[in-house]
């Protein structure tokens, strides 16, 4: 959202797919490239969708968080 260079579409994508670790290397690199004008948002989304290891890790964190909430509640 910095200086209007990042749209709500990209922001929503990052928040939904990387809820636990937005500071992962892939996300930071894509955001910096968008802000510098070296990459479009659509290309960044495609790149981040290809980062399977980080997406898998995020899903595992979500799954363990849900399990933990069920145990506590």
N, C-alpha and C. Protein backbone atom coordinates (compact mmCIF):
# COMPACT_ATOMS: atom_id res chain seq x y z
N UNK A 1 0.82 -1.18 0.00
CA UNK A 1 0.00 0.00 0.00
C UNK A 1 0.87 1.25 0.00
N UNK A 2 2.15 1.05 0.00
CA UNK A 2 3.09 2.15 0.08
C UNK A 2 3.01 3.04 -1.16
N UNK A 3 2.67 4.28 -0.96
CA UNK A 3 2.59 5.29 -2.01
C UNK A 3 1.65 4.87 -3.14
N UNK A 4 0.66 4.03 -2.85
CA UNK A 4 -0.30 3.61 -3.85
C UNK A 4 0.24 2.66 -4.89
N UNK A 5 1.41 2.06 -4.66
CA UNK A 5 2.00 1.16 -5.65
C UNK A 5 1.55 -0.28 -5.47
N UNK A 6 1.00 -0.61 -4.32
CA UNK A 6 0.53 -1.96 -4.08
C UNK A 6 -0.98 -1.92 -3.94
N UNK A 7 -1.65 -2.69 -4.78
CA UNK A 7 -3.11 -2.67 -4.78
C UNK A 7 -3.68 -3.57 -3.69
N UNK A 8 -4.96 -3.42 -3.48
CA UNK A 8 -5.65 -4.25 -2.50
C UNK A 8 -5.66 -5.71 -2.91
N UNK A 9 -5.67 -5.98 -4.21
CA UNK A 9 -5.67 -7.36 -4.71
C UNK A 9 -4.41 -8.09 -4.26
N UNK A 10 -3.26 -7.48 -4.44
CA UNK A 10 -1.99 -8.11 -4.04
C UNK A 10 -1.90 -8.21 -2.53
N UNK A 11 -2.30 -7.16 -1.84
CA UNK A 11 -2.27 -7.15 -0.38
C UNK A 11 -3.15 -8.27 0.18
N UNK A 12 -4.33 -8.43 -0.39
CA UNK A 12 -5.26 -9.48 0.05
C UNK A 12 -4.67 -10.86 -0.22
N UNK A 13 -4.02 -11.02 -1.38
CA UNK A 13 -3.39 -12.30 -1.72
C UNK A 13 -2.31 -12.66 -0.70
N UNK A 14 -1.47 -11.70 -0.37
CA UNK A 14 -0.38 -11.95 0.57
C UNK A 14 -0.94 -12.27 1.96
N UNK A 15 -1.92 -11.53 2.40
CA UNK A 15 -2.50 -11.76 3.73
C UNK A 15 -3.20 -13.11 3.83
N UNK A 16 -3.84 -13.52 2.77
CA UNK A 16 -4.55 -14.81 2.79
C UNK A 16 -3.61 -16.00 2.69
N UNK A 17 -2.56 -15.88 1.88
CA UNK A 17 -1.68 -17.02 1.64
C UNK A 17 -0.46 -17.07 2.54
N UNK A 18 -0.11 -15.97 3.14
CA UNK A 18 1.05 -15.93 4.03
C UNK A 18 0.67 -15.28 5.36
N UNK A 19 -0.31 -15.86 6.07
CA UNK A 19 -0.80 -15.20 7.29
C UNK A 19 0.17 -15.25 8.47
N UNK A 20 1.07 -16.22 8.47
CA UNK A 20 1.93 -16.40 9.63
C UNK A 20 3.33 -15.86 9.44
N UNK A 21 3.77 -15.75 8.22
CA UNK A 21 5.14 -15.28 8.00
C UNK A 21 5.20 -14.44 6.73
N UNK A 22 4.78 -13.20 6.86
CA UNK A 22 4.79 -12.29 5.71
C UNK A 22 6.22 -11.86 5.39
N UNK A 23 7.12 -12.04 6.33
CA UNK A 23 8.50 -11.60 6.13
C UNK A 23 9.37 -12.67 5.49
N UNK A 24 8.77 -13.67 4.85
CA UNK A 24 9.59 -14.68 4.18
C UNK A 24 10.32 -14.04 3.01
N UNK A 25 11.41 -14.63 2.64
CA UNK A 25 12.28 -14.05 1.61
C UNK A 25 11.55 -13.82 0.29
N UNK A 26 10.72 -14.78 -0.12
CA UNK A 26 10.02 -14.65 -1.40
C UNK A 26 9.08 -13.45 -1.40
N UNK A 27 8.35 -13.27 -0.31
CA UNK A 27 7.39 -12.17 -0.22
C UNK A 27 8.11 -10.82 -0.22
N UNK A 28 9.15 -10.70 0.58
CA UNK A 28 9.90 -9.44 0.65
C UNK A 28 10.51 -9.08 -0.69
N UNK A 29 11.09 -10.07 -1.38
CA UNK A 29 11.68 -9.80 -2.70
C UNK A 29 10.63 -9.32 -3.69
N UNK A 30 9.47 -9.96 -3.69
CA UNK A 30 8.41 -9.55 -4.63
C UNK A 30 7.91 -8.15 -4.31
N UNK A 31 7.72 -7.84 -3.04
CA UNK A 31 7.25 -6.50 -2.66
C UNK A 31 8.28 -5.44 -3.06
N UNK A 32 9.56 -5.70 -2.81
CA UNK A 32 10.59 -4.75 -3.21
C UNK A 32 10.63 -4.55 -4.72
N UNK A 33 10.46 -5.64 -5.48
CA UNK A 33 10.46 -5.52 -6.94
C UNK A 33 9.26 -4.74 -7.44
N UNK A 34 8.11 -4.90 -6.79
CA UNK A 34 6.93 -4.13 -7.17
C UNK A 34 7.15 -2.65 -6.88
N UNK A 35 7.67 -2.35 -5.70
CA UNK A 35 7.90 -0.95 -5.34
C UNK A 35 8.94 -0.29 -6.23
N UNK A 36 9.92 -1.06 -6.69
CA UNK A 36 10.94 -0.52 -7.58
C UNK A 36 10.50 -0.48 -9.04
N UNK A 37 9.37 -1.10 -9.34
CA UNK A 37 8.87 -1.11 -10.71
C UNK A 37 9.47 -2.19 -11.56
N UNK A 38 10.21 -3.12 -10.97
CA UNK A 38 10.86 -4.18 -11.73
C UNK A 38 9.92 -5.35 -12.00
N UNK A 39 8.78 -5.40 -11.30
CA UNK A 39 7.86 -6.51 -11.44
C UNK A 39 6.43 -6.01 -11.30
N UNK A 40 5.54 -6.61 -12.06
CA UNK A 40 4.12 -6.26 -11.92
C UNK A 40 3.52 -7.11 -10.81
N UNK A 41 2.35 -6.69 -10.32
CA UNK A 41 1.70 -7.42 -9.25
C UNK A 41 1.25 -8.80 -9.70
N UNK A 42 0.76 -8.91 -10.92
CA UNK A 42 0.32 -10.21 -11.43
C UNK A 42 1.49 -11.19 -11.52
N UNK A 43 2.63 -10.71 -11.95
CA UNK A 43 3.82 -11.57 -12.02
C UNK A 43 4.27 -11.96 -10.62
N UNK A 44 4.15 -11.05 -9.67
CA UNK A 44 4.52 -11.35 -8.29
C UNK A 44 3.60 -12.41 -7.69
N UNK A 45 2.30 -12.30 -7.99
CA UNK A 45 1.35 -13.30 -7.50
C UNK A 45 1.68 -14.67 -8.09
N UNK A 46 1.99 -14.71 -9.38
CA UNK A 46 2.36 -15.96 -10.02
C UNK A 46 3.63 -16.53 -9.40
N UNK A 47 4.60 -15.67 -9.13
CA UNK A 47 5.85 -16.10 -8.51
C UNK A 47 5.60 -16.67 -7.12
N UNK A 48 4.77 -16.00 -6.35
CA UNK A 48 4.49 -16.47 -5.00
C UNK A 48 3.66 -17.74 -4.99
N UNK A 49 2.82 -17.93 -5.98
CA UNK A 49 2.06 -19.17 -6.08
C UNK A 49 2.99 -20.34 -6.38
N UNK A 50 4.12 -20.05 -7.01
CA UNK A 50 5.10 -21.09 -7.32
C UNK A 50 6.01 -21.41 -6.15
N UNK A 51 5.98 -20.63 -5.11
CA UNK A 51 6.82 -20.87 -3.93
C UNK A 51 6.14 -21.93 -3.06
N UNK A 52 6.20 -23.17 -3.54
CA UNK A 52 5.44 -24.25 -2.90
C UNK A 52 5.91 -24.57 -1.49
N UNK A 53 7.21 -24.50 -1.24
CA UNK A 53 7.69 -24.86 0.09
C UNK A 53 7.16 -23.90 1.16
N UNK A 54 7.16 -22.63 0.85
CA UNK A 54 6.66 -21.64 1.82
C UNK A 54 5.15 -21.73 1.97
N UNK A 55 4.43 -21.95 0.87
CA UNK A 55 2.98 -22.11 0.96
C UNK A 55 2.62 -23.35 1.78
N UNK A 56 3.38 -24.43 1.58
CA UNK A 56 3.14 -25.65 2.34
C UNK A 56 3.39 -25.41 3.83
N UNK A 57 4.44 -24.68 4.13
CA UNK A 57 4.76 -24.37 5.52
C UNK A 57 3.66 -23.52 6.16
N UNK A 58 3.14 -22.56 5.42
CA UNK A 58 2.06 -21.71 5.92
C UNK A 58 0.80 -22.54 6.22
N UNK A 59 0.49 -23.50 5.34
CA UNK A 59 -0.67 -24.36 5.54
C UNK A 59 -0.49 -25.24 6.77
N UNK A 60 0.74 -25.72 6.99
CA UNK A 60 1.01 -26.53 8.18
C UNK A 60 0.86 -25.71 9.45
N UNK A 61 1.33 -24.47 9.41
CA UNK A 61 1.18 -23.60 10.57
C UNK A 61 -0.29 -23.32 10.86
N UNK A 62 -1.07 -23.12 9.82
CA UNK A 62 -2.50 -22.88 9.99
C UNK A 62 -3.18 -24.12 10.60
N UNK A 63 -2.81 -25.28 10.08
CA UNK A 63 -3.41 -26.53 10.56
C UNK A 63 -3.07 -26.75 12.03
N UNK A 64 -1.83 -26.53 12.43
CA UNK A 64 -1.45 -26.71 13.83
C UNK A 64 -2.12 -25.68 14.72
N UNK A 65 -2.32 -24.47 14.21
CA UNK A 65 -3.00 -23.43 14.97
C UNK A 65 -4.45 -23.81 15.23
N UNK A 66 -5.12 -24.36 14.23
CA UNK A 66 -6.51 -24.79 14.38
C UNK A 66 -6.60 -25.93 15.39
N UNK A 67 -5.67 -26.88 15.30
CA UNK A 67 -5.66 -28.00 16.24
C UNK A 67 -5.43 -27.52 17.67
N UNK A 68 -4.55 -26.58 17.83
CA UNK A 68 -4.25 -26.03 19.14
C UNK A 68 -5.47 -25.31 19.72
N UNK A 69 -6.18 -24.56 18.89
CA UNK A 69 -7.38 -23.86 19.35
C UNK A 69 -8.46 -24.84 19.79
N UNK A 70 -8.58 -25.96 19.07
CA UNK A 70 -9.57 -26.97 19.43
C UNK A 70 -9.23 -27.59 20.79
N UNK A 71 -7.96 -27.84 21.04
CA UNK A 71 -7.55 -28.41 22.32
C UNK A 71 -7.79 -27.45 23.47
N UNK A 72 -7.51 -26.19 23.25
CA UNK A 72 -7.67 -25.18 24.32
C UNK A 72 -9.14 -24.93 24.58
N UNK A 73 -9.91 -24.79 23.52
CA UNK A 73 -11.33 -24.42 23.65
C UNK A 73 -12.16 -25.61 23.87
